[in-house]
């Protein structure tokens, strides 16, 4: 019996809360009556919102370790990717 090498692995993220339940590096968005990405999700076309999430994930991933004082860029990139995964799963 030969091993199937055409199947890509499926990675599953264990989630206990949604991306909306967390904020990386502060509470400034959580203190607002509506978080900016919740407003964007409501007003933008789905493709536009997905593009916003992808762009921010790339921005934070690319600047990780390059901006002085930005200790949480990798975490922010993961946060946007978690939100992207949630949006795409809907």
N, C-alpha and C. Protein backbone atom coordinates (compact mmCIF):
# COMPACT_ATOMS: atom_id res chain seq x y z
N UNK A 1 0.85 -1.17 0.00
CA UNK A 1 0.00 0.00 0.00
C UNK A 1 0.90 1.24 0.00
N UNK A 2 0.66 2.17 -0.93
CA UNK A 2 1.49 3.37 -1.00
C UNK A 2 0.81 4.52 -0.26
N UNK A 3 1.64 5.39 0.22
CA UNK A 3 1.14 6.55 0.97
C UNK A 3 0.65 7.62 0.01
N UNK A 4 -0.49 8.21 0.29
CA UNK A 4 -1.04 9.29 -0.53
C UNK A 4 -0.27 10.57 -0.24
N UNK A 5 0.48 11.05 -1.22
CA UNK A 5 1.28 12.27 -1.03
C UNK A 5 0.61 13.49 -1.63
N UNK A 6 -0.59 13.35 -2.15
CA UNK A 6 -1.28 14.49 -2.77
C UNK A 6 -2.15 15.25 -1.79
N UNK A 7 -2.41 14.69 -0.64
CA UNK A 7 -3.27 15.34 0.35
C UNK A 7 -2.46 16.27 1.23
N UNK A 8 -2.90 17.51 1.32
CA UNK A 8 -2.23 18.48 2.18
C UNK A 8 -2.75 18.33 3.61
N UNK A 9 -1.90 18.55 4.59
CA UNK A 9 -2.37 18.45 5.98
C UNK A 9 -3.39 19.54 6.29
N UNK A 10 -4.30 19.22 7.13
CA UNK A 10 -5.31 20.19 7.57
C UNK A 10 -4.98 20.58 9.00
N UNK A 11 -4.75 21.86 9.21
CA UNK A 11 -4.41 22.37 10.54
C UNK A 11 -5.65 22.93 11.17
N UNK A 12 -5.92 22.53 12.37
CA UNK A 12 -7.08 23.04 13.09
C UNK A 12 -6.61 23.83 14.29
N UNK A 13 -7.18 25.01 14.46
CA UNK A 13 -6.84 25.86 15.59
C UNK A 13 -7.85 25.62 16.69
N UNK A 14 -7.37 25.33 17.89
CA UNK A 14 -8.27 25.20 19.02
C UNK A 14 -8.70 26.60 19.44
N UNK A 15 -9.99 26.82 19.48
CA UNK A 15 -10.50 28.14 19.81
C UNK A 15 -11.45 28.04 20.98
N UNK A 16 -11.25 28.90 21.95
CA UNK A 16 -12.17 28.95 23.07
C UNK A 16 -12.93 30.27 23.05
N UNK A 17 -12.44 31.24 22.29
CA UNK A 17 -13.12 32.52 22.17
C UNK A 17 -12.89 33.07 20.77
N UNK A 18 -13.72 34.01 20.37
CA UNK A 18 -13.57 34.58 19.04
C UNK A 18 -12.52 35.69 19.05
N UNK A 19 -12.08 36.07 17.88
CA UNK A 19 -11.12 37.17 17.76
C UNK A 19 -11.71 38.46 18.32
N UNK A 20 -13.01 38.61 18.29
CA UNK A 20 -13.66 39.81 18.84
C UNK A 20 -13.56 39.88 20.35
N UNK A 21 -13.30 38.75 20.99
CA UNK A 21 -13.23 38.71 22.46
C UNK A 21 -11.87 39.15 22.99
N UNK A 22 -10.90 39.29 22.12
CA UNK A 22 -9.55 39.62 22.56
C UNK A 22 -9.04 40.90 21.89
N UNK A 23 -8.04 41.48 22.48
CA UNK A 23 -7.31 42.59 21.87
C UNK A 23 -5.86 42.47 22.28
N UNK A 24 -4.99 42.66 21.33
CA UNK A 24 -3.55 42.58 21.58
C UNK A 24 -3.03 43.97 21.92
N UNK A 25 -2.28 44.07 23.00
CA UNK A 25 -1.58 45.30 23.38
C UNK A 25 -2.53 46.46 23.70
N UNK A 26 -3.31 46.32 24.73
CA UNK A 26 -4.14 47.43 25.18
C UNK A 26 -5.62 47.10 25.22
N UNK A 27 -6.41 48.12 25.53
CA UNK A 27 -7.87 47.94 25.59
C UNK A 27 -8.60 49.05 24.84
N UNK A 28 -7.87 49.84 24.07
CA UNK A 28 -8.47 51.01 23.42
C UNK A 28 -9.64 50.66 22.51
N UNK A 29 -9.59 49.54 21.79
CA UNK A 29 -10.72 49.16 20.93
C UNK A 29 -11.85 48.56 21.76
N UNK A 30 -11.52 47.80 22.77
CA UNK A 30 -12.55 47.17 23.60
C UNK A 30 -13.39 48.20 24.36
N UNK A 31 -12.82 49.38 24.57
CA UNK A 31 -13.55 50.43 25.30
C UNK A 31 -14.54 51.18 24.40
N UNK A 32 -14.47 50.98 23.11
CA UNK A 32 -15.38 51.67 22.18
C UNK A 32 -16.74 50.99 22.16
N UNK A 33 -17.77 51.74 21.80
CA UNK A 33 -19.10 51.15 21.74
C UNK A 33 -19.19 50.12 20.61
N UNK A 34 -18.42 50.30 19.56
CA UNK A 34 -18.30 49.29 18.51
C UNK A 34 -16.84 49.30 18.05
N UNK A 35 -16.28 48.11 17.91
CA UNK A 35 -14.90 48.03 17.47
C UNK A 35 -14.80 48.35 15.99
N UNK A 36 -13.73 49.01 15.57
CA UNK A 36 -13.60 49.38 14.15
C UNK A 36 -13.81 48.22 13.18
N UNK A 37 -13.23 47.04 13.47
CA UNK A 37 -13.41 45.98 12.48
C UNK A 37 -14.83 45.43 12.48
N UNK A 38 -15.59 45.59 13.55
CA UNK A 38 -17.00 45.19 13.53
C UNK A 38 -17.80 46.13 12.63
N UNK A 39 -17.47 47.43 12.70
CA UNK A 39 -18.13 48.41 11.82
C UNK A 39 -17.76 48.15 10.36
N UNK A 40 -16.48 47.89 10.11
CA UNK A 40 -16.04 47.61 8.74
C UNK A 40 -16.71 46.35 8.20
N UNK A 41 -16.81 45.33 9.03
CA UNK A 41 -17.45 44.09 8.59
C UNK A 41 -18.91 44.33 8.22
N UNK A 42 -19.56 45.23 8.95
CA UNK A 42 -20.97 45.53 8.68
C UNK A 42 -21.16 46.38 7.42
N UNK A 43 -20.20 47.26 7.15
CA UNK A 43 -20.38 48.21 6.04
C UNK A 43 -19.68 47.84 4.74
N UNK A 44 -18.60 47.08 4.83
CA UNK A 44 -17.85 46.73 3.62
C UNK A 44 -18.41 45.47 2.98
N UNK A 45 -18.13 45.33 1.69
CA UNK A 45 -18.44 44.07 1.01
C UNK A 45 -17.54 42.99 1.62
N UNK A 46 -17.98 41.74 1.64
CA UNK A 46 -17.15 40.69 2.24
C UNK A 46 -15.72 40.64 1.67
N UNK A 47 -15.58 40.81 0.35
CA UNK A 47 -14.24 40.77 -0.25
C UNK A 47 -13.38 41.92 0.23
N UNK A 48 -14.00 43.08 0.44
CA UNK A 48 -13.25 44.25 0.94
C UNK A 48 -12.77 44.00 2.36
N UNK A 49 -13.63 43.45 3.19
CA UNK A 49 -13.26 43.20 4.58
C UNK A 49 -12.17 42.14 4.66
N UNK A 50 -12.28 41.10 3.85
CA UNK A 50 -11.24 40.07 3.81
C UNK A 50 -9.91 40.69 3.38
N UNK A 51 -9.94 41.59 2.40
CA UNK A 51 -8.73 42.27 1.97
C UNK A 51 -8.12 43.11 3.08
N UNK A 52 -8.95 43.79 3.85
CA UNK A 52 -8.48 44.56 5.00
C UNK A 52 -7.78 43.67 6.00
N UNK A 53 -8.39 42.53 6.33
CA UNK A 53 -7.79 41.62 7.30
C UNK A 53 -6.47 41.05 6.80
N UNK A 54 -6.44 40.65 5.53
CA UNK A 54 -5.20 40.12 4.95
C UNK A 54 -4.10 41.18 4.95
N UNK A 55 -4.46 42.40 4.56
CA UNK A 55 -3.48 43.48 4.51
C UNK A 55 -2.89 43.78 5.88
N UNK A 56 -3.71 43.84 6.89
CA UNK A 56 -3.20 44.11 8.24
C UNK A 56 -2.37 42.95 8.77
N UNK A 57 -2.77 41.72 8.47
CA UNK A 57 -1.96 40.58 8.89
C UNK A 57 -0.57 40.65 8.25
N UNK A 58 -0.53 40.97 6.97
CA UNK A 58 0.77 41.09 6.28
C UNK A 58 1.59 42.24 6.85
N UNK A 59 0.94 43.38 7.10
CA UNK A 59 1.64 44.55 7.64
C UNK A 59 2.33 44.22 8.95
N UNK A 60 1.58 43.63 9.87
CA UNK A 60 2.15 43.32 11.17
C UNK A 60 3.21 42.23 11.09
N UNK A 61 3.00 41.24 10.23
CA UNK A 61 4.00 40.18 10.08
C UNK A 61 5.30 40.73 9.50
N UNK A 62 5.19 41.61 8.52
CA UNK A 62 6.38 42.15 7.88
C UNK A 62 7.16 43.12 8.75
N UNK A 63 6.48 43.83 9.62
CA UNK A 63 7.19 44.80 10.46
C UNK A 63 7.63 44.22 11.80
N UNK A 64 7.28 42.96 12.06
CA UNK A 64 7.65 42.34 13.33
C UNK A 64 9.17 42.43 13.54
N UNK A 65 9.54 43.00 14.68
CA UNK A 65 10.94 43.12 15.03
C UNK A 65 11.66 44.29 14.40
N UNK A 66 10.96 45.08 13.60
CA UNK A 66 11.60 46.19 12.90
C UNK A 66 11.24 47.56 13.44
N UNK A 67 10.12 47.66 14.12
CA UNK A 67 9.65 48.95 14.64
C UNK A 67 9.96 49.02 16.13
N UNK A 68 10.69 50.02 16.52
CA UNK A 68 11.06 50.17 17.92
C UNK A 68 9.82 50.27 18.81
N UNK A 69 9.81 49.50 19.86
CA UNK A 69 8.70 49.55 20.81
C UNK A 69 7.49 48.71 20.41
N UNK A 70 7.49 48.12 19.23
CA UNK A 70 6.36 47.30 18.79
C UNK A 70 6.62 45.84 19.18
N UNK A 71 6.30 45.51 20.41
CA UNK A 71 6.59 44.18 20.93
C UNK A 71 5.56 43.13 20.52
N UNK A 72 4.42 43.56 20.04
CA UNK A 72 3.31 42.64 19.83
C UNK A 72 2.92 42.45 18.37
N UNK A 73 3.80 42.83 17.44
CA UNK A 73 3.42 42.76 16.03
C UNK A 73 3.08 41.33 15.58
N UNK A 74 3.84 40.33 16.01
CA UNK A 74 3.54 38.95 15.62
C UNK A 74 2.18 38.53 16.19
N UNK A 75 1.90 38.94 17.41
CA UNK A 75 0.60 38.62 18.02
C UNK A 75 -0.53 39.32 17.28
N UNK A 76 -0.30 40.56 16.86
CA UNK A 76 -1.32 41.29 16.10
C UNK A 76 -1.57 40.62 14.75
N UNK A 77 -0.51 40.17 14.09
CA UNK A 77 -0.67 39.46 12.82
C UNK A 77 -1.52 38.21 13.02
N UNK A 78 -1.22 37.44 14.08
CA UNK A 78 -2.01 36.24 14.37
C UNK A 78 -3.46 36.59 14.69
N UNK A 79 -3.68 37.71 15.35
CA UNK A 79 -5.04 38.13 15.69
C UNK A 79 -5.85 38.41 14.42
N UNK A 80 -5.24 39.13 13.48
CA UNK A 80 -5.93 39.39 12.21
C UNK A 80 -6.16 38.10 11.43
N UNK A 81 -5.21 37.17 11.49
CA UNK A 81 -5.40 35.89 10.81
C UNK A 81 -6.52 35.08 11.46
N UNK A 82 -6.64 35.17 12.78
CA UNK A 82 -7.73 34.47 13.47
C UNK A 82 -9.08 35.04 13.04
N UNK A 83 -9.16 36.36 12.95
CA UNK A 83 -10.41 36.99 12.50
C UNK A 83 -10.70 36.60 11.06
N UNK A 84 -9.67 36.57 10.21
CA UNK A 84 -9.84 36.16 8.82
C UNK A 84 -10.38 34.74 8.74
N UNK A 85 -9.84 33.85 9.53
CA UNK A 85 -10.32 32.46 9.53
C UNK A 85 -11.78 32.38 9.95
N UNK A 86 -12.16 33.18 10.94
CA UNK A 86 -13.56 33.20 11.39
C UNK A 86 -14.48 33.72 10.30
N UNK A 87 -14.07 34.77 9.61
CA UNK A 87 -14.89 35.36 8.55
C UNK A 87 -15.06 34.37 7.40
N UNK A 88 -13.98 33.71 7.03
CA UNK A 88 -14.05 32.76 5.93
C UNK A 88 -14.84 31.52 6.28
N UNK A 89 -14.94 31.19 7.55
CA UNK A 89 -15.69 30.00 7.99
C UNK A 89 -17.19 30.23 8.01
N UNK A 90 -17.60 31.49 7.91
CA UNK A 90 -19.05 31.80 7.99
C UNK A 90 -19.78 31.31 6.76
